[in-house]
Amino acid sequence: MGAMDKLKDKAEVAEGEAKQKLGDATDNEQWQAEGKADEVKGNLKQAGEKVKDAF
């Protein structure tokens, strides 16, 4: 289950980055904000997984 969670978290970060870049390209502030939020959420989940792996 841990490996699948890690993949999902990485996918969420990648989706957030893509959404943020699309927002930059189209000058859409909503997409920029959503992309940044998705990216941060994915990074936090990855950090949580790393903590779990340490124990």
PDB file of N, CA and C in Angstrom:
ATOM      1  N   MET A   1       0.823  -1.194   0.000  1.00  0.00           N
ATOM      2  CA  MET A   1       0.000   0.000   0.000  1.00  0.00           C
ATOM      3  C   MET A   1       0.863   1.253   0.000  1.00  0.00           C
ATOM      4  N   GLY A   2       2.013   1.224   0.629  1.00  0.00           N
ATOM      5  CA  GLY A   2       2.878   2.389   0.721  1.00  0.00           C
ATOM      6  C   GLY A   2       3.372   2.854  -0.637  1.00  0.00           C
ATOM      7  N   ALA A   3       3.737   1.906  -1.508  1.00  0.00           N
ATOM      8  CA  ALA A   3       4.255   2.274  -2.824  1.00  0.00           C
ATOM      9  C   ALA A   3       3.170   2.949  -3.665  1.00  0.00           C
ATOM     10  N   MET A   4       1.959   2.452  -3.553  1.00  0.00           N
ATOM     11  CA  MET A   4       0.857   3.044  -4.316  1.00  0.00           C
ATOM     12  C   MET A   4       0.575   4.460  -3.825  1.00  0.00           C
ATOM     13  N   ASP A   5       0.629   4.664  -2.517  1.00  0.00           N
ATOM     14  CA  ASP A   5       0.423   6.001  -1.957  1.00  0.00           C
ATOM     15  C   ASP A   5       1.496   6.964  -2.449  1.00  0.00           C
ATOM     16  N   LYS A   6       2.733   6.490  -2.505  1.00  0.00           N
ATOM     17  CA  LYS A   6       3.836   7.330  -2.970  1.00  0.00           C
ATOM     18  C   LYS A   6       3.617   7.754  -4.426  1.00  0.00           C
ATOM     19  N   LEU A   7       3.165   6.808  -5.244  1.00  0.00           N
ATOM     20  CA  LEU A   7       2.901   7.127  -6.648  1.00  0.00           C
ATOM     21  C   LEU A   7       1.769   8.145  -6.787  1.00  0.00           C
ATOM     22  N   LYS A   8       0.738   7.974  -5.984  1.00  0.00           N
ATOM     23  CA  LYS A   8      -0.389   8.905  -6.029  1.00  0.00           C
ATOM     24  C   LYS A   8       0.056  10.305  -5.600  1.00  0.00           C
ATOM     25  N   ASP A   9       0.910  10.368  -4.584  1.00  0.00           N
ATOM     26  CA  ASP A   9       1.404  11.662  -4.106  1.00  0.00           C
ATOM     27  C   ASP A   9       2.262  12.347  -5.167  1.00  0.00           C
ATOM     28  N   LYS A  10       3.107  11.567  -5.827  1.00  0.00           N
ATOM     29  CA  LYS A  10       3.946  12.135  -6.889  1.00  0.00           C
ATOM     30  C   LYS A  10       3.086  12.607  -8.058  1.00  0.00           C
ATOM     31  N   ALA A  11       2.053  11.859  -8.367  1.00  0.00           N
ATOM     32  CA  ALA A  11       1.146  12.250  -9.445  1.00  0.00           C
ATOM     33  C   ALA A  11       0.423  13.545  -9.093  1.00  0.00           C
ATOM     34  N   GLU A  12       0.049  13.689  -7.826  1.00  0.00           N
ATOM     35  CA  GLU A  12      -0.638  14.907  -7.387  1.00  0.00           C
ATOM     36  C   GLU A  12       0.288  16.118  -7.512  1.00  0.00           C
ATOM     37  N   VAL A  13       1.557  15.934  -7.160  1.00  0.00           N
ATOM     38  CA  VAL A  13       2.530  17.018  -7.288  1.00  0.00           C
ATOM     39  C   VAL A  13       2.693  17.387  -8.764  1.00  0.00           C
ATOM     40  N   ALA A  14       2.823  16.383  -9.624  1.00  0.00           N
ATOM     41  CA  ALA A  14       2.996  16.631 -11.050  1.00  0.00           C
ATOM     42  C   ALA A  14       1.774  17.327 -11.643  1.00  0.00           C
ATOM     43  N   GLU A  15       0.586  16.903 -11.222  1.00  0.00           N
ATOM     44  CA  GLU A  15      -0.651  17.536 -11.697  1.00  0.00           C
ATOM     45  C   GLU A  15      -0.705  18.994 -11.250  1.00  0.00           C
ATOM     46  N   GLY A  16      -0.294  19.231 -10.024  1.00  0.00           N
ATOM     47  CA  GLY A  16      -0.280  20.595  -9.508  1.00  0.00           C
ATOM     48  C   GLY A  16       0.683  21.482 -10.272  1.00  0.00           C
ATOM     49  N   GLU A  17       1.864  20.935 -10.574  1.00  0.00           N
ATOM     50  CA  GLU A  17       2.845  21.705 -11.340  1.00  0.00           C
ATOM     51  C   GLU A  17       2.309  22.029 -12.729  1.00  0.00           C
ATOM     52  N   ALA A  18       1.686  21.038 -13.356  1.00  0.00           N
ATOM     53  CA  ALA A  18       1.135  21.252 -14.694  1.00  0.00           C
ATOM     54  C   ALA A  18       0.022  22.297 -14.677  1.00  0.00           C
ATOM     55  N   LYS A  19      -0.855  22.198 -13.686  1.00  0.00           N
ATOM     56  CA  LYS A  19      -1.965  23.145 -13.575  1.00  0.00           C
ATOM     57  C   LYS A  19      -1.433  24.558 -13.333  1.00  0.00           C
ATOM     58  N   GLN A  20      -0.391  24.649 -12.517  1.00  0.00           N
ATOM     59  CA  GLN A  20       0.194  25.950 -12.221  1.00  0.00           C
ATOM     60  C   GLN A  20       0.849  26.546 -13.480  1.00  0.00           C
ATOM     61  N   LYS A  21       1.542  25.726 -14.252  1.00  0.00           N
ATOM     62  CA  LYS A  21       2.168  26.204 -15.490  1.00  0.00           C
ATOM     63  C   LYS A  21       1.118  26.625 -16.509  1.00  0.00           C
ATOM     64  N   LEU A  22       0.029  25.874 -16.579  1.00  0.00           N
ATOM     65  CA  LEU A  22      -1.061  26.240 -17.484  1.00  0.00           C
ATOM     66  C   LEU A  22      -1.671  27.571 -17.059  1.00  0.00           C
ATOM     67  N   GLY A  23      -1.823  27.751 -15.751  1.00  0.00           N
ATOM     68  CA  GLY A  23      -2.331  29.020 -15.235  1.00  0.00           C
ATOM     69  C   GLY A  23      -1.389  30.172 -15.550  1.00  0.00           C
ATOM     70  N   ASP A  24      -0.074  29.927 -15.471  1.00  0.00           N
ATOM     71  CA  ASP A  24       0.906  30.956 -15.823  1.00  0.00           C
ATOM     72  C   ASP A  24       0.802  31.319 -17.304  1.00  0.00           C
ATOM     73  N   ALA A  25       0.664  30.280 -18.133  1.00  0.00           N
ATOM     74  CA  ALA A  25       0.613  30.500 -19.577  1.00  0.00           C
ATOM     75  C   ALA A  25      -0.651  31.255 -20.000  1.00  0.00           C
ATOM     76  N   THR A  26      -1.752  30.985 -19.317  1.00  0.00           N
ATOM     77  CA  THR A  26      -3.021  31.605 -19.694  1.00  0.00           C
ATOM     78  C   THR A  26      -3.362  32.801 -18.813  1.00  0.00           C
ATOM     79  N   ASP A  27      -2.485  33.085 -17.863  1.00  0.00           N
ATOM     80  CA  ASP A  27      -2.684  34.188 -16.910  1.00  0.00           C
ATOM     81  C   ASP A  27      -3.975  33.996 -16.116  1.00  0.00           C
ATOM     82  N   ASN A  28      -4.227  32.742 -15.747  1.00  0.00           N
ATOM     83  CA  ASN A  28      -5.417  32.386 -14.972  1.00  0.00           C
ATOM     84  C   ASN A  28      -5.001  32.190 -13.514  1.00  0.00           C
ATOM     85  N   GLU A  29      -5.357  33.137 -12.685  1.00  0.00           N
ATOM     86  CA  GLU A  29      -4.940  33.108 -11.286  1.00  0.00           C
ATOM     87  C   GLU A  29      -5.557  31.943 -10.521  1.00  0.00           C
ATOM     88  N   GLN A  30      -6.755  31.541 -10.867  1.00  0.00           N
ATOM     89  CA  GLN A  30      -7.406  30.422 -10.177  1.00  0.00           C
ATOM     90  C   GLN A  30      -6.620  29.135 -10.412  1.00  0.00           C
ATOM     91  N   TRP A  31      -6.238  28.861 -11.649  1.00  0.00           N
ATOM     92  CA  TRP A  31      -5.464  27.661 -11.939  1.00  0.00           C
ATOM     93  C   TRP A  31      -4.090  27.716 -11.275  1.00  0.00           C
ATOM     94  N   GLN A  32      -3.508  28.908 -11.227  1.00  0.00           N
ATOM     95  CA  GLN A  32      -2.221  29.053 -10.567  1.00  0.00           C
ATOM     96  C   GLN A  32      -2.346  28.675  -9.093  1.00  0.00           C
ATOM     97  N   ALA A  33      -3.375  29.174  -8.440  1.00  0.00           N
ATOM     98  CA  ALA A  33      -3.583  28.908  -7.020  1.00  0.00           C
ATOM     99  C   ALA A  33      -3.920  27.436  -6.775  1.00  0.00           C
ATOM    100  N   GLU A  34      -4.792  26.874  -7.601  1.00  0.00           N
ATOM    101  CA  GLU A  34      -5.146  25.463  -7.442  1.00  0.00           C
ATOM    102  C   GLU A  34      -3.928  24.577  -7.669  1.00  0.00           C
ATOM    103  N   GLY A  35      -3.131  24.920  -8.659  1.00  0.00           N
ATOM    104  CA  GLY A  35      -1.926  24.141  -8.943  1.00  0.00           C
ATOM    105  C   GLY A  35      -0.952  24.178  -7.785  1.00  0.00           C
ATOM    106  N   LYS A  36      -0.766  25.350  -7.222  1.00  0.00           N
ATOM    107  CA  LYS A  36       0.142  25.487  -6.082  1.00  0.00           C
ATOM    108  C   LYS A  36      -0.395  24.701  -4.882  1.00  0.00           C
ATOM    109  N   ALA A  37      -1.692  24.768  -4.658  1.00  0.00           N
ATOM    110  CA  ALA A  37      -2.300  24.038  -3.546  1.00  0.00           C
ATOM    111  C   ALA A  37      -2.137  22.527  -3.734  1.00  0.00           C
ATOM    112  N   ASP A  38      -2.371  22.030  -4.939  1.00  0.00           N
ATOM    113  CA  ASP A  38      -2.213  20.600  -5.215  1.00  0.00           C
ATOM    114  C   ASP A  38      -0.760  20.171  -5.010  1.00  0.00           C
ATOM    115  N   GLU A  39       0.154  21.014  -5.467  1.00  0.00           N
ATOM    116  CA  GLU A  39       1.571  20.709  -5.338  1.00  0.00           C
ATOM    117  C   GLU A  39       1.981  20.633  -3.859  1.00  0.00           C
ATOM    118  N   VAL A  40       1.546  21.596  -3.080  1.00  0.00           N
ATOM    119  CA  VAL A  40       1.883  21.620  -1.653  1.00  0.00           C
ATOM    120  C   VAL A  40       1.268  20.424  -0.940  1.00  0.00           C
ATOM    121  N   LYS A  41       0.016  20.119  -1.263  1.00  0.00           N
ATOM    122  CA  LYS A  41      -0.664  18.985  -0.634  1.00  0.00           C
ATOM    123  C   LYS A  41       0.074  17.681  -0.946  1.00  0.00           C
ATOM    124  N   GLY A  42       0.484  17.512  -2.180  1.00  0.00           N
ATOM    125  CA  GLY A  42       1.230  16.311  -2.561  1.00  0.00           C
ATOM    126  C   GLY A  42       2.570  16.230  -1.856  1.00  0.00           C
ATOM    127  N   ASN A  43       3.250  17.367  -1.731  1.00  0.00           N
ATOM    128  CA  ASN A  43       4.538  17.378  -1.039  1.00  0.00           C
ATOM    129  C   ASN A  43       4.379  17.037   0.441  1.00  0.00           C
ATOM    130  N   LEU A  44       3.323  17.533   1.062  1.00  0.00           N
ATOM    131  CA  LEU A  44       3.079  17.205   2.465  1.00  0.00           C
ATOM    132  C   LEU A  44       2.791  15.719   2.647  1.00  0.00           C
ATOM    133  N   LYS A  45       2.039  15.155   1.730  1.00  0.00           N
ATOM    134  CA  LYS A  45       1.752  13.725   1.803  1.00  0.00           C
ATOM    135  C   LYS A  45       3.038  12.914   1.630  1.00  0.00           C
ATOM    136  N   GLN A  46       3.911  13.361   0.721  1.00  0.00           N
ATOM    137  CA  GLN A  46       5.180  12.669   0.529  1.00  0.00           C
ATOM    138  C   GLN A  46       6.020  12.736   1.797  1.00  0.00           C
ATOM    139  N   ALA A  47       6.020  13.876   2.451  1.00  0.00           N
ATOM    140  CA  ALA A  47       6.772  14.015   3.696  1.00  0.00           C
ATOM    141  C   ALA A  47       6.219  13.067   4.753  1.00  0.00           C
ATOM    142  N   GLY A  48       4.915  12.933   4.817  1.00  0.00           N
ATOM    143  CA  GLY A  48       4.286  12.008   5.748  1.00  0.00           C
ATOM    144  C   GLY A  48       4.699  10.564   5.473  1.00  0.00           C
ATOM    145  N   GLU A  49       4.763  10.193   4.205  1.00  0.00           N
ATOM    146  CA  GLU A  49       5.190   8.855   3.843  1.00  0.00           C
ATOM    147  C   GLU A  49       6.649   8.612   4.246  1.00  0.00           C
ATOM    148  N   LYS A  50       7.480   9.625   4.107  1.00  0.00           N
ATOM    149  CA  LYS A  50       8.885   9.491   4.499  1.00  0.00           C
ATOM    150  C   LYS A  50       9.003   9.290   6.008  1.00  0.00           C
ATOM    151  N   VAL A  51       8.167   9.968   6.765  1.00  0.00           N
ATOM    152  CA  VAL A  51       8.177   9.798   8.219  1.00  0.00           C
ATOM    153  C   VAL A  51       7.744   8.379   8.571  1.00  0.00           C
ATOM    154  N   LYS A  52       6.709   7.889   7.899  1.00  0.00           N
ATOM    155  CA  LYS A  52       6.253   6.515   8.144  1.00  0.00           C
ATOM    156  C   LYS A  52       7.374   5.518   7.832  1.00  0.00           C
ATOM    157  N   ASP A  53       8.078   5.755   6.730  1.00  0.00           N
ATOM    158  CA  ASP A  53       9.157   4.847   6.325  1.00  0.00           C
ATOM    159  C   ASP A  53      10.307   4.866   7.335  1.00  0.00           C
ATOM    160  N   ALA A  54      10.519   5.991   7.981  1.00  0.00           N
ATOM    161  CA  ALA A  54      11.605   6.085   8.947  1.00  0.00           C
ATOM    162  C   ALA A  54      11.337   5.212  10.165  1.00  0.00           C
ATOM    163  N   PHE A  55      10.074   4.979  10.471  1.00  0.00           N
ATOM    164  CA  PHE A  55       9.726   4.158  11.636  1.00  0.00           C
ATOM    165  C   PHE A  55       9.424   2.800  11.176  1.00  0.00           C
TER     166      PHE A  55
END
